[in-house]
């Protein structure tokens, strides 16, 4: 796959969890919808995370991992979990 294709599939993967979250709100009444739905900060952070999904897929391709469409999609969707794992404290070995 080309660099553009890998990035695109990673971005689509990054969009999927957000689309699911919005889909779950489809029956909420106007007053029941969460405030974050209209927050500019939320949408900026979401856009950044979606782009990071594409970049994550690109990094995997760059280091030599054979990336197909499904793998790039999965990496894009998993990017928030991958990033969260970086902040976890390493276990102490005595």
N, C-alpha and C. Protein backbone atom coordinates (compact mmCIF):
# COMPACT_ATOMS: atom_id res chain seq x y z
N UNK A 1 0.84 -1.19 0.00
CA UNK A 1 0.00 0.00 0.00
C UNK A 1 0.88 1.25 0.00
N UNK A 2 0.36 2.30 -0.58
CA UNK A 2 1.10 3.56 -0.60
C UNK A 2 0.99 4.23 0.78
N UNK A 3 1.84 5.21 0.99
CA UNK A 3 1.82 5.98 2.23
C UNK A 3 0.45 6.62 2.44
N UNK A 4 -0.10 7.18 1.37
CA UNK A 4 -1.41 7.83 1.47
C UNK A 4 -2.50 6.83 1.85
N UNK A 5 -2.46 5.64 1.28
CA UNK A 5 -3.46 4.62 1.59
C UNK A 5 -3.36 4.16 3.04
N UNK A 6 -2.13 3.95 3.50
CA UNK A 6 -1.94 3.53 4.90
C UNK A 6 -2.48 4.60 5.83
N UNK A 7 -2.14 5.86 5.57
CA UNK A 7 -2.62 6.96 6.40
C UNK A 7 -4.14 7.02 6.38
N UNK A 8 -4.73 6.92 5.18
CA UNK A 8 -6.17 7.02 5.05
C UNK A 8 -6.88 5.91 5.84
N UNK A 9 -6.41 4.67 5.71
CA UNK A 9 -7.04 3.57 6.44
C UNK A 9 -6.86 3.73 7.94
N UNK A 10 -5.71 4.25 8.37
CA UNK A 10 -5.50 4.53 9.80
C UNK A 10 -6.44 5.60 10.31
N UNK A 11 -6.66 6.63 9.51
CA UNK A 11 -7.59 7.71 9.88
C UNK A 11 -9.01 7.17 9.96
N UNK A 12 -9.40 6.34 8.99
CA UNK A 12 -10.74 5.75 9.03
C UNK A 12 -10.89 4.91 10.30
N UNK A 13 -9.86 4.17 10.66
CA UNK A 13 -9.89 3.40 11.91
C UNK A 13 -10.03 4.31 13.12
N UNK A 14 -9.37 5.46 13.09
CA UNK A 14 -9.48 6.42 14.18
C UNK A 14 -10.86 7.03 14.29
N UNK A 15 -11.55 7.14 13.17
CA UNK A 15 -12.90 7.70 13.17
C UNK A 15 -13.92 6.71 13.74
N UNK A 16 -13.70 5.43 13.56
CA UNK A 16 -14.69 4.42 13.94
C UNK A 16 -15.14 4.50 15.41
N UNK A 17 -14.23 4.60 16.39
CA UNK A 17 -14.71 4.69 17.79
C UNK A 17 -15.54 5.95 18.04
N UNK A 18 -15.16 7.05 17.40
CA UNK A 18 -15.93 8.29 17.55
C UNK A 18 -17.31 8.14 16.92
N UNK A 19 -17.37 7.51 15.76
CA UNK A 19 -18.66 7.29 15.11
C UNK A 19 -19.55 6.41 15.98
N UNK A 20 -18.97 5.41 16.62
CA UNK A 20 -19.74 4.55 17.51
C UNK A 20 -20.29 5.33 18.70
N UNK A 21 -19.45 6.19 19.28
CA UNK A 21 -19.90 7.00 20.42
C UNK A 21 -21.06 7.91 20.01
N UNK A 22 -20.97 8.50 18.84
CA UNK A 22 -22.05 9.36 18.35
C UNK A 22 -23.29 8.54 18.00
N UNK A 23 -23.09 7.37 17.46
CA UNK A 23 -24.20 6.49 17.12
C UNK A 23 -25.01 6.13 18.36
N UNK A 24 -24.32 5.92 19.47
CA UNK A 24 -25.01 5.57 20.72
C UNK A 24 -25.88 6.71 21.24
N UNK A 25 -25.60 7.93 20.79
CA UNK A 25 -26.37 9.09 21.24
C UNK A 25 -27.56 9.41 20.34
N UNK A 26 -27.80 8.61 19.33
CA UNK A 26 -28.79 8.96 18.31
C UNK A 26 -30.20 9.09 18.84
N UNK A 27 -30.53 8.41 19.93
CA UNK A 27 -31.89 8.48 20.48
C UNK A 27 -32.00 9.46 21.65
N UNK A 28 -30.89 10.09 22.01
CA UNK A 28 -30.92 11.03 23.13
C UNK A 28 -31.70 12.29 22.74
N UNK A 29 -32.51 12.74 23.65
CA UNK A 29 -33.26 13.97 23.41
C UNK A 29 -32.32 15.16 23.49
N UNK A 30 -32.76 16.28 22.98
CA UNK A 30 -31.91 17.47 22.91
C UNK A 30 -31.30 17.84 24.26
N UNK A 31 -32.06 17.84 25.31
CA UNK A 31 -31.55 18.20 26.64
C UNK A 31 -30.70 17.13 27.29
N UNK A 32 -30.72 15.92 26.74
CA UNK A 32 -29.96 14.80 27.32
C UNK A 32 -28.60 14.61 26.67
N UNK A 33 -28.35 15.32 25.58
CA UNK A 33 -27.06 15.16 24.90
C UNK A 33 -25.95 15.79 25.72
N UNK A 34 -24.78 15.14 25.77
CA UNK A 34 -23.67 15.65 26.59
C UNK A 34 -23.12 16.98 26.07
N UNK A 35 -22.60 17.77 26.99
CA UNK A 35 -22.05 19.08 26.64
C UNK A 35 -20.84 18.98 25.71
N UNK A 36 -20.08 17.90 25.83
CA UNK A 36 -18.87 17.76 25.00
C UNK A 36 -19.19 17.71 23.52
N UNK A 37 -20.41 17.40 23.17
CA UNK A 37 -20.81 17.30 21.77
C UNK A 37 -20.65 18.64 21.04
N UNK A 38 -20.79 19.74 21.77
CA UNK A 38 -20.65 21.06 21.16
C UNK A 38 -19.37 21.78 21.60
N UNK A 39 -18.43 21.03 22.16
CA UNK A 39 -17.19 21.62 22.64
C UNK A 39 -16.13 21.65 21.53
N UNK A 40 -15.64 22.83 21.23
CA UNK A 40 -14.57 22.96 20.24
C UNK A 40 -13.32 22.21 20.67
N UNK A 41 -13.00 22.28 21.96
CA UNK A 41 -11.83 21.57 22.48
C UNK A 41 -11.94 20.08 22.22
N UNK A 42 -13.10 19.50 22.48
CA UNK A 42 -13.31 18.07 22.26
C UNK A 42 -13.06 17.71 20.80
N UNK A 43 -13.60 18.49 19.87
CA UNK A 43 -13.47 18.16 18.46
C UNK A 43 -12.05 18.36 17.95
N UNK A 44 -11.33 19.33 18.49
CA UNK A 44 -9.93 19.52 18.11
C UNK A 44 -9.10 18.32 18.58
N UNK A 45 -9.29 17.91 19.83
CA UNK A 45 -8.57 16.75 20.35
C UNK A 45 -8.95 15.50 19.57
N UNK A 46 -10.21 15.37 19.22
CA UNK A 46 -10.66 14.22 18.44
C UNK A 46 -9.98 14.20 17.07
N UNK A 47 -9.90 15.34 16.42
CA UNK A 47 -9.24 15.43 15.12
C UNK A 47 -7.76 15.05 15.24
N UNK A 48 -7.11 15.53 16.29
CA UNK A 48 -5.70 15.17 16.52
C UNK A 48 -5.55 13.66 16.71
N UNK A 49 -6.42 13.05 17.51
CA UNK A 49 -6.33 11.61 17.75
C UNK A 49 -6.60 10.81 16.48
N UNK A 50 -7.54 11.27 15.67
CA UNK A 50 -7.83 10.59 14.40
C UNK A 50 -6.61 10.64 13.49
N UNK A 51 -5.97 11.80 13.42
CA UNK A 51 -4.74 11.93 12.61
C UNK A 51 -3.62 11.07 13.17
N UNK A 52 -3.52 10.99 14.50
CA UNK A 52 -2.52 10.12 15.11
C UNK A 52 -2.76 8.66 14.76
N UNK A 53 -4.03 8.29 14.54
CA UNK A 53 -4.33 6.93 14.08
C UNK A 53 -3.69 6.65 12.73
N UNK A 54 -3.77 7.62 11.84
CA UNK A 54 -3.11 7.48 10.54
C UNK A 54 -1.60 7.44 10.67
N UNK A 55 -1.06 8.28 11.54
CA UNK A 55 0.39 8.30 11.75
C UNK A 55 0.89 7.01 12.39
N UNK A 56 0.11 6.44 13.28
CA UNK A 56 0.51 5.18 13.91
C UNK A 56 0.64 4.08 12.85
N UNK A 57 -0.31 4.00 11.95
CA UNK A 57 -0.23 3.02 10.87
C UNK A 57 1.00 3.27 10.01
N UNK A 58 1.30 4.54 9.74
CA UNK A 58 2.49 4.87 8.96
C UNK A 58 3.77 4.45 9.66
N UNK A 59 3.84 4.65 10.96
CA UNK A 59 5.03 4.27 11.73
C UNK A 59 5.25 2.76 11.62
N UNK A 60 4.18 2.00 11.78
CA UNK A 60 4.30 0.54 11.66
C UNK A 60 4.82 0.16 10.28
N UNK A 61 4.30 0.81 9.24
CA UNK A 61 4.78 0.52 7.88
C UNK A 61 6.25 0.92 7.74
N UNK A 62 6.61 2.05 8.29
CA UNK A 62 7.99 2.57 8.16
C UNK A 62 9.01 1.65 8.80
N UNK A 63 8.64 1.00 9.92
CA UNK A 63 9.60 0.11 10.59
C UNK A 63 9.61 -1.28 9.97
N UNK A 64 8.84 -1.47 8.92
CA UNK A 64 8.92 -2.72 8.19
C UNK A 64 7.80 -3.72 8.41
N UNK A 65 6.80 -3.33 9.17
CA UNK A 65 5.66 -4.23 9.38
C UNK A 65 4.82 -4.20 8.10
N UNK A 66 4.45 -5.39 7.61
CA UNK A 66 3.63 -5.47 6.41
C UNK A 66 2.19 -5.07 6.76
N UNK A 67 1.79 -3.90 6.31
CA UNK A 67 0.48 -3.34 6.65
C UNK A 67 -0.49 -3.55 5.50
N UNK A 68 -1.64 -4.13 5.82
CA UNK A 68 -2.73 -4.18 4.84
C UNK A 68 -3.85 -3.26 5.34
N UNK A 69 -4.93 -3.20 4.61
CA UNK A 69 -6.01 -2.28 4.96
C UNK A 69 -6.59 -2.56 6.34
N UNK A 70 -6.82 -3.83 6.63
CA UNK A 70 -7.40 -4.20 7.93
C UNK A 70 -6.45 -3.86 9.08
N UNK A 71 -5.17 -4.11 8.89
CA UNK A 71 -4.20 -3.80 9.95
C UNK A 71 -4.14 -2.29 10.19
N UNK A 72 -4.14 -1.51 9.12
CA UNK A 72 -4.11 -0.04 9.27
C UNK A 72 -5.38 0.45 9.96
N UNK A 73 -6.52 -0.11 9.60
CA UNK A 73 -7.79 0.23 10.23
C UNK A 73 -7.75 -0.07 11.72
N UNK A 74 -7.26 -1.25 12.05
CA UNK A 74 -7.15 -1.66 13.46
C UNK A 74 -6.20 -0.76 14.23
N UNK A 75 -5.06 -0.45 13.65
CA UNK A 75 -4.10 0.43 14.33
C UNK A 75 -4.68 1.82 14.57
N UNK A 76 -5.41 2.34 13.60
CA UNK A 76 -6.05 3.64 13.78
C UNK A 76 -7.05 3.63 14.92
N UNK A 77 -7.84 2.57 15.01
CA UNK A 77 -8.83 2.47 16.09
C UNK A 77 -8.17 2.25 17.44
N UNK A 78 -7.03 1.56 17.46
CA UNK A 78 -6.35 1.23 18.71
C UNK A 78 -5.39 2.32 19.19
N UNK A 79 -5.17 3.33 18.40
CA UNK A 79 -4.18 4.36 18.75
C UNK A 79 -4.40 4.98 20.13
N UNK A 80 -5.62 5.35 20.54
CA UNK A 80 -5.77 5.91 21.89
C UNK A 80 -5.30 4.94 22.98
N UNK A 81 -5.53 3.64 22.80
CA UNK A 81 -5.07 2.66 23.78
C UNK A 81 -3.55 2.51 23.75
N UNK A 82 -2.98 2.57 22.55
CA UNK A 82 -1.52 2.49 22.43
C UNK A 82 -0.87 3.67 23.13
N UNK A 83 -1.41 4.87 22.91
CA UNK A 83 -0.87 6.07 23.55
C UNK A 83 -1.05 5.99 25.06
N UNK A 84 -2.21 5.53 25.52
CA UNK A 84 -2.45 5.41 26.97
C UNK A 84 -1.48 4.44 27.62
N UNK A 85 -1.06 3.42 26.88
CA UNK A 85 -0.12 2.45 27.46
C UNK A 85 1.26 3.07 27.72
N UNK A 86 1.59 4.14 27.02
CA UNK A 86 2.89 4.80 27.23
C UNK A 86 2.98 5.46 28.60
N UNK A 87 1.85 5.89 29.15
CA UNK A 87 1.88 6.61 30.41
C UNK A 87 1.82 5.69 31.63
N UNK A 88 1.58 4.40 31.40
CA UNK A 88 1.51 3.48 32.52
C UNK A 88 2.88 3.35 33.17
N UNK A 89 2.88 3.29 34.49
CA UNK A 89 4.11 3.18 35.23
C UNK A 89 4.70 1.79 35.08
N UNK A 90 5.99 1.74 34.86
CA UNK A 90 6.68 0.46 34.73
C UNK A 90 6.77 -0.22 36.09
N UNK A 91 6.62 -1.55 36.12
CA UNK A 91 6.70 -2.25 37.41
C UNK A 91 8.12 -2.18 37.98
N UNK A 92 8.19 -2.09 39.29
CA UNK A 92 9.48 -2.04 40.00
C UNK A 92 10.02 -3.47 40.15
N UNK A 93 11.25 -3.67 39.74
CA UNK A 93 11.89 -4.98 39.91
C UNK A 93 12.95 -4.81 40.98
N UNK A 94 12.81 -5.58 42.09
CA UNK A 94 13.75 -5.45 43.20
C UNK A 94 14.84 -6.46 43.12
